[in-house]
Amino acid sequence: MQTAQIKSEIRKSYGDIANSEKAAGCCTDIACCSSNDLAAMAEDYSQVDGYTPEADLALGCGLPTEIANIKEGDTVIDLGSGAGNDVFIARRIVGEKGRVIGIDMTPEMVIRALQNNQKLGYRNVAFVLGDIENMKGIADETAEVVISNCVMNLVPDKEKAFAEVFRVLKTNGHFSISDIVYSGSLPDGVLESAELYAGCIAGASEKGQYLGIIKAGGFKNIQIKKERLIELPDEQLLKYVSAKELENFRQSGSGIYSITVYADKLDAGTCCDTTANGCCNSEAKTTPEKTSCCGTEAGKTNTGCCG
């Protein structure tokens, strides 16, 4: 599909969700599956401090704020902020001295988020209409933390999107992004479906490729903090693939996953540069001339220095 077609479909689907009176979910009856299958994607936010039910449209696939290491006074940017769910949770953490900026490409979502914020009365929260691939209104090195929840998979140009994340993060800042990826391969019918693209599946990248895009963007200490297999029901996939294709997919060992990824924007030359386990521990042992690695002294015993 062409980029313009993809974005048009996404805006239409998420605009309809924003205008609805109930939480619909990333898998919706206008996207990849019915609202009855919501549990396959969404995480339960109800016990999270700062949770605002009116802002939760069940569009996420993770809890990125859970491992985002947000601190009081931080500036946080939420990519694909929807009705404001993760923004308001982040706002509870940063407090009065911090700031939270939500960015979304769907006008109806921005309007709904602004309405929710008006009820809450937060003065240090902003919602901006814009594309993640080109955050024109956000200056370089604005935020300590970038978060996102099941949105990057919808972006056609992920390389450009992660380049923008790198640009708006301060040096020594980091991101926590929950997203959908797959291992193995997906049937062509799934990959080509515009509806499934808007529903968070068809735009997903292969997991290794996804991590490679992040590393190529200049990020260090890339870690998958959480991973969960997404089980989509056969009756929904059969709308897009044949019975034989579905059987082959089920037997192939391929899978669709929700992952939450953490990565740092560090000074050039910092040793944490791996997507594998061990973080920068092995590099610290083999590069004694470097005086530090993720805040630990090189050469000392280290079992997860960036964790």
Protein backbone atom coordinates (compact mmCIF):
# COMPACT_ATOMS: atom_id res chain seq x y z
CA MET A 1 0.00 0.00 0.00
CA GLN A 2 1.04 3.59 -0.58
CA THR A 3 1.85 5.74 2.45
CA ALA A 4 -1.05 8.11 1.77
CA GLN A 5 -3.51 5.20 1.66
CA ILE A 6 -2.17 3.76 4.89
CA LYS A 7 -2.43 7.06 6.74
CA SER A 8 -5.89 7.75 5.37
CA GLU A 9 -7.12 4.37 6.61
CA ILE A 10 -5.56 4.91 10.03
CA ARG A 11 -7.04 8.39 10.41
CA LYS A 12 -10.48 7.12 9.43
CA SER A 13 -10.39 4.14 11.79
CA TYR A 14 -9.02 6.02 14.77
CA GLY A 15 -11.20 9.03 14.08
CA ASP A 16 -14.24 6.75 14.28
CA ILE A 17 -12.93 5.30 17.55
CA ALA A 18 -12.36 8.77 19.00
CA ASN A 19 -15.93 9.76 18.14
CA SER A 20 -17.41 6.63 19.69
CA GLU A 21 -18.88 6.59 23.18
CA LYS A 22 -17.09 3.44 24.33
CA ALA A 23 -13.59 2.06 24.44
CA ALA A 24 -13.07 0.11 21.25
CA GLY A 25 -9.56 -1.26 21.36
CA CYS A 26 -6.79 -1.71 18.83
CA CYS A 27 -8.68 -4.75 17.58
CA THR A 28 -12.06 -3.26 16.76
CA ASP A 29 -15.00 -4.15 14.58
CA ILE A 30 -13.80 -1.46 12.17
CA ALA A 31 -10.25 -2.75 12.23
CA CYS A 32 -8.80 -6.20 12.70
CA CYS A 33 -11.28 -7.94 14.99
CA SER A 34 -14.24 -7.47 17.28
CA SER A 35 -14.20 -5.70 20.62
CA ASN A 36 -14.75 -9.09 22.23
CA ASP A 37 -11.16 -9.91 21.33
CA LEU A 38 -9.79 -6.85 23.10
CA ALA A 39 -8.02 -8.92 25.73
CA ALA A 40 -5.70 -10.27 23.05
CA MET A 41 -4.06 -6.86 22.77
CA ALA A 42 -4.72 -4.45 25.60
CA GLU A 43 -3.11 -4.37 29.05
CA ASP A 44 -5.07 -3.58 32.21
CA TYR A 45 -4.44 -0.02 33.33
CA SER A 46 -7.07 0.13 36.05
CA GLN A 47 -4.60 -0.20 38.95
CA VAL A 48 -2.03 2.25 37.58
CA ASP A 49 -1.61 5.51 39.50
CA GLY A 50 -2.93 8.38 37.42
CA TYR A 51 -5.27 6.22 35.36
CA THR A 52 -8.14 8.14 33.76
CA PRO A 53 -10.89 5.81 32.48
CA GLU A 54 -12.27 8.41 30.06
CA ALA A 55 -8.88 8.53 28.32
CA ASP A 56 -8.51 4.76 27.99
CA LEU A 57 -9.85 3.62 24.61
CA ALA A 58 -8.02 0.27 24.98
CA LEU A 59 -5.80 1.04 22.01
CA GLY A 60 -2.50 -0.04 23.56
CA CYS A 61 -0.63 -3.32 23.62
CA GLY A 62 1.58 -2.68 26.65
CA LEU A 63 2.32 -0.46 29.64
CA PRO A 64 5.30 1.65 28.51
CA THR A 65 5.21 3.91 31.58
CA GLU A 66 5.81 0.82 33.74
CA ILE A 67 9.52 0.66 32.82
CA ALA A 68 10.05 4.19 31.48
CA ASN A 69 12.02 5.45 34.52
CA ILE A 70 10.13 8.74 34.42
CA LYS A 71 11.16 11.10 37.21
CA GLU A 72 9.59 14.11 38.83
CA GLY A 73 10.34 17.21 36.76
CA ASP A 74 11.00 15.32 33.51
CA THR A 75 9.69 16.36 30.12
CA VAL A 76 7.96 13.37 28.49
CA ILE A 77 6.72 13.01 24.92
CA ASP A 78 4.03 10.42 24.14
CA LEU A 79 3.91 9.35 20.48
CA GLY A 80 0.42 8.51 19.26
CA SER A 81 -1.16 9.83 22.44
CA GLY A 82 -4.78 9.07 21.51
CA ALA A 83 -7.24 10.25 24.13
CA GLY A 84 -4.42 10.87 26.60
CA ASN A 85 -4.22 7.68 28.65
CA ASP A 86 -0.42 7.38 28.92
CA VAL A 87 0.01 11.16 28.99
CA PHE A 88 -2.05 11.48 32.16
CA ILE A 89 -0.20 8.61 33.83
CA ALA A 90 3.12 10.25 32.95
CA ARG A 91 1.80 13.59 34.24
CA ARG A 92 1.10 12.04 37.63
CA ILE A 93 4.78 11.02 37.80
CA VAL A 94 6.44 14.23 36.53
CA GLY A 95 4.28 16.38 38.81
CA GLU A 96 3.85 20.13 38.64
CA LYS A 97 7.50 20.77 37.73
CA GLY A 98 7.53 18.47 34.69
CA ARG A 99 5.81 18.58 31.33
CA VAL A 100 4.09 16.01 29.10
CA ILE A 101 3.47 16.45 25.37
CA GLY A 102 1.17 14.13 23.44
CA ILE A 103 1.42 13.87 19.63
CA ASP A 104 -1.25 12.27 17.45
CA MET A 105 -2.03 12.35 13.73
CA THR A 106 -5.81 12.04 14.14
CA PRO A 107 -7.65 15.35 14.75
CA GLU A 108 -10.55 13.64 16.54
CA MET A 109 -8.14 12.01 19.00
CA VAL A 110 -6.43 15.32 19.77
CA ILE A 111 -9.81 16.94 20.39
CA ARG A 112 -10.88 14.13 22.72
CA ALA A 113 -7.57 14.33 24.60
CA LEU A 114 -7.92 18.10 25.02
CA GLN A 115 -11.44 17.62 26.37
CA ASN A 116 -10.16 15.05 28.87
CA ASN A 117 -7.36 17.36 29.96
CA GLN A 118 -9.77 20.25 30.41
CA LYS A 119 -11.65 18.15 32.97
CA LEU A 120 -8.42 17.25 34.77
CA GLY A 121 -7.11 20.82 34.74
CA TYR A 122 -3.47 20.02 33.99
CA ARG A 123 -1.58 23.13 32.86
CA ASN A 124 1.67 21.37 32.01
CA VAL A 125 0.12 18.94 29.51
CA ALA A 126 -0.13 19.67 25.77
CA PHE A 127 -1.59 17.73 22.86
CA VAL A 128 -0.22 18.38 19.37
CA LEU A 129 -1.59 17.32 15.99
CA GLY A 130 1.24 15.89 13.91
CA ASP A 131 3.10 12.96 12.36
CA ILE A 132 5.67 10.98 14.31
CA GLU A 133 7.93 10.91 11.24
CA ASN A 134 8.09 14.70 11.22
CA MET A 135 7.52 16.31 14.61
CA LYS A 136 7.81 19.86 13.31
CA GLY A 137 6.59 21.53 16.47
CA ILE A 138 9.06 19.79 18.79
CA ALA A 139 12.54 21.28 19.20
CA ASP A 140 15.74 19.24 19.29
CA GLU A 141 16.61 17.70 22.68
CA THR A 142 13.27 18.52 24.29
CA ALA A 143 12.55 15.44 26.41
CA GLU A 144 14.20 13.21 28.97
CA VAL A 145 11.79 10.40 28.08
CA VAL A 146 9.79 9.35 25.01
CA ILE A 147 7.00 6.81 25.39
CA SER A 148 4.64 5.19 22.91
CA ASN A 149 2.01 2.45 23.08
CA CYS A 150 1.22 0.32 20.03
CA VAL A 151 1.76 3.14 17.53
CA MET A 152 5.16 2.73 15.85
CA ASN A 153 3.85 -0.35 14.02
CA LEU A 154 1.35 1.95 12.29
CA VAL A 155 4.06 4.27 10.98
CA PRO A 156 5.03 3.55 7.35
CA ASP A 157 8.57 5.00 7.66
CA LYS A 158 9.88 3.59 10.93
CA GLU A 159 13.47 4.65 10.19
CA LYS A 160 12.40 8.27 9.95
CA ALA A 161 10.20 7.94 13.04
CA PHE A 162 13.04 6.63 15.20
CA ALA A 163 15.33 9.33 13.80
CA GLU A 164 12.80 11.87 15.07
CA VAL A 165 12.72 10.16 18.47
CA PHE A 166 16.51 10.46 18.61
CA ARG A 167 16.31 14.14 17.66
CA VAL A 168 13.76 15.18 20.29
CA LEU A 169 15.44 13.24 23.11
CA LYS A 170 18.06 14.96 25.24
CA THR A 171 21.49 13.34 25.43
CA ASN A 172 21.30 10.68 28.16
CA GLY A 173 17.55 10.52 27.67
CA HIS A 174 15.76 7.30 26.78
CA PHE A 175 12.59 5.82 25.35
CA SER A 176 10.15 3.13 26.46
CA ILE A 177 8.01 1.91 23.57
CA SER A 178 5.40 -0.85 23.55
CA ASP A 179 4.72 -2.18 20.08
CA ILE A 180 3.67 -5.12 17.92
CA VAL A 181 6.28 -7.21 16.08
CA TYR A 182 6.36 -10.67 14.59
CA SER A 183 8.79 -13.56 14.32
CA GLY A 184 9.04 -15.76 11.25
CA SER A 185 6.66 -14.51 8.57
CA LEU A 186 3.05 -13.36 8.22
CA PRO A 187 0.68 -14.51 5.45
CA ASP A 188 0.45 -12.12 2.49
CA GLY A 189 -3.25 -11.52 3.13
CA VAL A 190 -2.45 -10.11 6.56
CA LEU A 191 0.38 -7.94 5.29
CA GLU A 192 -1.74 -6.48 2.49
CA SER A 193 -4.87 -5.71 4.48
CA ALA A 194 -5.53 -2.00 5.01
CA GLU A 195 -7.97 -2.82 7.81
CA LEU A 196 -5.40 -4.91 9.62
CA TYR A 197 -2.86 -2.14 9.17
CA ALA A 198 -5.15 0.26 11.01
CA GLY A 199 -5.71 -2.48 13.57
CA CYS A 200 -2.03 -2.70 14.56
CA ILE A 201 -1.00 -5.99 12.92
CA ALA A 202 -0.09 -5.62 9.25
CA GLY A 203 2.22 -2.65 9.87
CA ALA A 204 4.33 -4.66 12.30
CA SER A 205 7.99 -5.37 11.56
CA GLU A 206 9.91 -8.59 12.04
CA LYS A 207 11.43 -8.41 15.53
CA GLY A 208 15.07 -8.50 14.50
CA GLN A 209 14.47 -5.92 11.79
CA TYR A 210 12.69 -3.69 14.30
CA LEU A 211 15.60 -3.79 16.74
CA GLY A 212 17.98 -3.19 13.83
CA ILE A 213 16.13 0.00 12.89
CA ILE A 214 16.49 1.23 16.46
CA LYS A 215 20.22 0.46 16.54
CA ALA A 216 20.79 2.08 13.14
CA GLY A 217 19.07 5.18 14.53
CA GLY A 218 21.94 5.65 16.99
CA PHE A 219 20.37 4.26 20.15
CA LYS A 220 22.36 2.30 22.73
CA ASN A 221 21.48 -0.22 25.44
CA ILE A 222 18.54 -1.61 23.46
CA GLN A 223 16.60 -4.05 25.61
CA ILE A 224 13.30 -5.89 25.31
CA LYS A 225 11.92 -5.44 28.81
CA LYS A 226 8.66 -7.31 28.26
CA GLU A 227 7.38 -9.72 25.60
CA ARG A 228 3.96 -11.33 25.22
CA LEU A 229 2.56 -13.62 22.52
CA ILE A 230 -0.60 -12.25 20.87
CA GLU A 231 -3.12 -14.97 20.02
CA LEU A 232 -5.46 -13.84 17.23
CA PRO A 233 -8.55 -16.03 16.74
CA ASP A 234 -8.75 -18.16 13.60
CA GLU A 235 -12.16 -16.77 12.60
CA GLN A 236 -10.69 -13.28 12.34
CA LEU A 237 -7.59 -14.28 10.37
CA LEU A 238 -9.73 -16.32 7.99
CA LYS A 239 -11.21 -13.04 6.76
CA TYR A 240 -7.86 -12.31 5.17
CA VAL A 241 -6.17 -15.65 4.49
CA SER A 242 -7.21 -19.07 3.23
CA ALA A 243 -7.60 -22.06 5.52
CA LYS A 244 -4.42 -23.55 4.07
CA GLU A 245 -2.46 -20.33 4.62
CA LEU A 246 -3.70 -20.19 8.20
CA GLU A 247 -2.69 -23.81 8.81
CA ASN A 248 0.77 -23.14 7.43
CA PHE A 249 1.08 -20.05 9.61
CA ARG A 250 0.06 -21.92 12.75
CA GLN A 251 2.54 -24.72 12.03
CA SER A 252 5.43 -22.48 11.02
CA GLY A 253 6.38 -21.37 14.51
CA SER A 254 5.84 -17.77 13.49
CA GLY A 255 4.14 -15.50 15.99
CA ILE A 256 2.87 -12.00 16.70
CA TYR A 257 4.18 -10.39 19.88
CA SER A 258 3.66 -7.37 22.06
CA ILE A 259 7.06 -6.09 23.20
CA THR A 260 8.16 -3.18 25.34
CA VAL A 261 11.57 -1.87 24.26
CA TYR A 262 13.88 0.42 26.21
CA ALA A 263 16.85 2.28 24.68
CA ASP A 264 19.15 5.19 25.54
CA LYS A 265 20.42 8.19 23.62
CA LEU A 266 23.97 8.40 24.96
CA ASP A 267 27.10 10.40 24.25
CA ALA A 268 29.08 9.23 21.23
CA GLY A 269 31.53 6.50 22.15
CA THR A 270 29.61 5.15 25.11
CA CYS A 271 30.09 1.40 25.28
CA CYS A 272 26.49 0.24 25.67
CA ASP A 273 25.84 -0.69 22.06
CA THR A 274 24.25 -4.10 22.08
CA THR A 275 20.80 -5.50 21.45
CA ALA A 276 21.84 -8.82 22.94
CA ASN A 277 21.88 -9.95 26.54
CA GLY A 278 24.71 -8.81 28.77
CA CYS A 279 24.09 -5.14 27.95
CA CYS A 280 27.47 -3.42 28.17
CA ASN A 281 29.02 -5.80 30.66
CA SER A 282 31.16 -7.66 28.13
CA GLU A 283 32.29 -4.43 26.50
CA ALA A 284 33.29 -3.02 29.88
CA LYS A 285 35.64 -5.98 30.38
CA THR A 286 37.22 -5.74 26.95
CA THR A 287 37.63 -1.97 26.77
CA PRO A 288 39.43 -0.98 30.00
CA GLU A 289 40.39 2.41 28.54
CA LYS A 290 36.77 3.50 28.86
CA THR A 291 36.20 4.87 32.32
CA SER A 292 32.50 4.22 32.58
CA CYS A 293 29.67 2.19 31.18
CA CYS A 294 26.10 3.11 32.02
CA GLY A 295 27.14 4.71 35.28
CA THR A 296 29.39 1.87 36.47
CA GLU A 297 33.16 1.82 36.59
CA ALA A 298 34.75 -0.24 33.87
CA GLY A 299 36.40 -3.41 34.99
CA LYS A 300 34.18 -3.95 37.99
CA THR A 301 31.82 -6.89 38.22
CA ASN A 302 28.63 -5.93 36.46
CA THR A 303 25.58 -8.08 35.83
CA GLY A 304 23.21 -5.84 33.99
CA CYS A 305 24.76 -2.40 34.15
CA CYS A 306 22.09 -0.78 32.02
CA GLY A 307 19.10 -2.58 33.44
